Amino acid sequence: MKLTYTDILGDGKEHTIGATATTDHPCSHYGIPVIVLDNGNALDLQSWAILSYKVKKASKKEKEILDKIFSNFSAMAGR
């Protein structure tokens, strides 16, 4: 999938980065998938919000997995 984010600590511009949604990462717990960026880092709720991440392109399967991730983000945010 492709995500966009705003580099607020660098050039302030929007950038595109590749990512995958997976449960095969140390940050995934109890079968809850996480978003893993091309650099291998898992994307957390705080980074998602602060850097204004958005899904630019995702397959149907990835969208289903993202729904699980975003429902978990909402729970963590108290919504």
C-alpha atoms as a PDB file:
ATOM      1  CA  MET A   1       0.000   0.000   0.000  1.00  0.00           C
ATOM      2  CA  LYS A   2       1.005   3.627  -0.287  1.00  0.00           C
ATOM      3  CA  LEU A   3       0.643   6.214   2.470  1.00  0.00           C
ATOM      4  CA  THR A   4       1.232   9.947   2.542  1.00  0.00           C
ATOM      5  CA  TYR A   5       2.464  11.956   5.504  1.00  0.00           C
ATOM      6  CA  THR A   6       3.612  15.494   6.232  1.00  0.00           C
ATOM      7  CA  ASP A   7       7.249  15.758   7.299  1.00  0.00           C
ATOM      8  CA  ILE A   8       6.763  18.335  10.067  1.00  0.00           C
ATOM      9  CA  LEU A   9      10.272  17.793  11.435  1.00  0.00           C
ATOM     10  CA  GLY A  10      11.972  18.148   8.049  1.00  0.00           C
ATOM     11  CA  ASP A  11      10.900  19.981   4.929  1.00  0.00           C
ATOM     12  CA  GLY A  12       7.226  20.376   5.922  1.00  0.00           C
ATOM     13  CA  LYS A  13       6.085  18.768   2.673  1.00  0.00           C
ATOM     14  CA  GLU A  14       3.873  15.798   1.970  1.00  0.00           C
ATOM     15  CA  HIS A  15       5.717  12.572   1.125  1.00  0.00           C
ATOM     16  CA  THR A  16       4.627   9.119  -0.059  1.00  0.00           C
ATOM     17  CA  ILE A  17       5.910   5.923   1.536  1.00  0.00           C
ATOM     18  CA  GLY A  18       5.240   2.242   0.998  1.00  0.00           C
ATOM     19  CA  ALA A  19       3.816   0.146   3.818  1.00  0.00           C
ATOM     20  CA  THR A  20       2.269  -3.210   4.605  1.00  0.00           C
ATOM     21  CA  ALA A  21      -0.288  -4.301   7.159  1.00  0.00           C
ATOM     22  CA  THR A  22       0.767  -7.439   8.994  1.00  0.00           C
ATOM     23  CA  THR A  23       0.577  -9.479  12.177  1.00  0.00           C
ATOM     24  CA  ASP A  24       4.127 -10.744  11.520  1.00  0.00           C
ATOM     25  CA  HIS A  25       5.939  -7.971  13.411  1.00  0.00           C
ATOM     26  CA  PRO A  26       7.097  -7.656  17.045  1.00  0.00           C
ATOM     27  CA  CYS A  27       4.696  -4.718  17.571  1.00  0.00           C
ATOM     28  CA  SER A  28       1.697  -6.875  16.659  1.00  0.00           C
ATOM     29  CA  HIS A  29       0.050  -8.358  19.729  1.00  0.00           C
ATOM     30  CA  TYR A  30      -2.834 -10.814  20.069  1.00  0.00           C
ATOM     31  CA  GLY A  31      -3.328 -11.003  16.315  1.00  0.00           C
ATOM     32  CA  ILE A  32      -3.943  -7.276  15.933  1.00  0.00           C
ATOM     33  CA  PRO A  33      -2.254  -6.152  12.703  1.00  0.00           C
ATOM     34  CA  VAL A  34       0.105  -3.196  12.545  1.00  0.00           C
ATOM     35  CA  ILE A  35       1.198  -0.947   9.707  1.00  0.00           C
ATOM     36  CA  VAL A  36       4.873  -1.477   8.888  1.00  0.00           C
ATOM     37  CA  LEU A  37       6.656   1.150   6.818  1.00  0.00           C
ATOM     38  CA  ASP A  38       9.210   0.330   4.116  1.00  0.00           C
ATOM     39  CA  ASN A  39      11.995   1.067   6.624  1.00  0.00           C
ATOM     40  CA  GLY A  40      10.728  -1.750   8.906  1.00  0.00           C
ATOM     41  CA  ASN A  41       9.301   0.490  11.624  1.00  0.00           C
ATOM     42  CA  ALA A  42       5.751  -0.018  12.851  1.00  0.00           C
ATOM     43  CA  LEU A  43       3.518   3.032  12.621  1.00  0.00           C
ATOM     44  CA  ASP A  44       1.865   3.953  15.917  1.00  0.00           C
ATOM     45  CA  LEU A  45      -1.212   6.059  16.654  1.00  0.00           C
ATOM     46  CA  GLN A  46       0.819   9.067  17.796  1.00  0.00           C
ATOM     47  CA  SER A  47       2.885   9.201  14.595  1.00  0.00           C
ATOM     48  CA  TRP A  48      -0.229   8.586  12.474  1.00  0.00           C
ATOM     49  CA  ALA A  49      -1.946  11.617  14.006  1.00  0.00           C
ATOM     50  CA  ILE A  50       0.981  14.029  14.328  1.00  0.00           C
ATOM     51  CA  LEU A  51       2.339  13.446  10.815  1.00  0.00           C
ATOM     52  CA  SER A  52      -1.149  13.416   9.241  1.00  0.00           C
ATOM     53  CA  TYR A  53      -0.766   9.985   7.624  1.00  0.00           C
ATOM     54  CA  LYS A  54      -3.367   9.088   5.009  1.00  0.00           C
ATOM     55  CA  VAL A  55      -3.946   5.993   2.929  1.00  0.00           C
ATOM     56  CA  LYS A  56      -3.248   6.893  -0.692  1.00  0.00           C
ATOM     57  CA  LYS A  57      -3.591   3.420  -2.234  1.00  0.00           C
ATOM     58  CA  ALA A  58      -4.571   0.050  -0.792  1.00  0.00           C
ATOM     59  CA  SER A  59      -5.936  -3.229  -2.110  1.00  0.00           C
ATOM     60  CA  LYS A  60      -9.288  -4.588  -0.962  1.00  0.00           C
ATOM     61  CA  LYS A  61      -7.516  -7.048   1.358  1.00  0.00           C
ATOM     62  CA  GLU A  62      -5.342  -4.258   2.797  1.00  0.00           C
ATOM     63  CA  LYS A  63      -8.437  -2.110   3.375  1.00  0.00           C
ATOM     64  CA  GLU A  64     -10.011  -4.929   5.394  1.00  0.00           C
ATOM     65  CA  ILE A  65      -6.888  -5.176   7.538  1.00  0.00           C
ATOM     66  CA  LEU A  66      -6.738  -1.378   7.881  1.00  0.00           C
ATOM     67  CA  ASP A  67     -10.294  -1.405   9.242  1.00  0.00           C
ATOM     68  CA  LYS A  68      -9.043  -3.604  12.112  1.00  0.00           C
ATOM     69  CA  ILE A  69      -6.068  -1.342  12.721  1.00  0.00           C
ATOM     70  CA  PHE A  70      -8.145   1.836  12.694  1.00  0.00           C
ATOM     71  CA  SER A  71     -10.750   0.367  15.056  1.00  0.00           C
ATOM     72  CA  ASN A  72      -7.862  -0.415  17.427  1.00  0.00           C
ATOM     73  CA  PHE A  73      -6.537   3.164  17.017  1.00  0.00           C
ATOM     74  CA  SER A  74     -10.009   4.493  17.882  1.00  0.00           C
ATOM     75  CA  ALA A  75     -10.140   2.343  21.006  1.00  0.00           C
ATOM     76  CA  MET A  76      -6.677   3.566  22.052  1.00  0.00           C
ATOM     77  CA  ALA A  77      -7.768   7.172  21.470  1.00  0.00           C
ATOM     78  CA  GLY A  78     -10.838   6.662  23.657  1.00  0.00           C
ATOM     79  CA  ARG A  79     -13.404   7.012  20.870  1.00  0.00           C
END
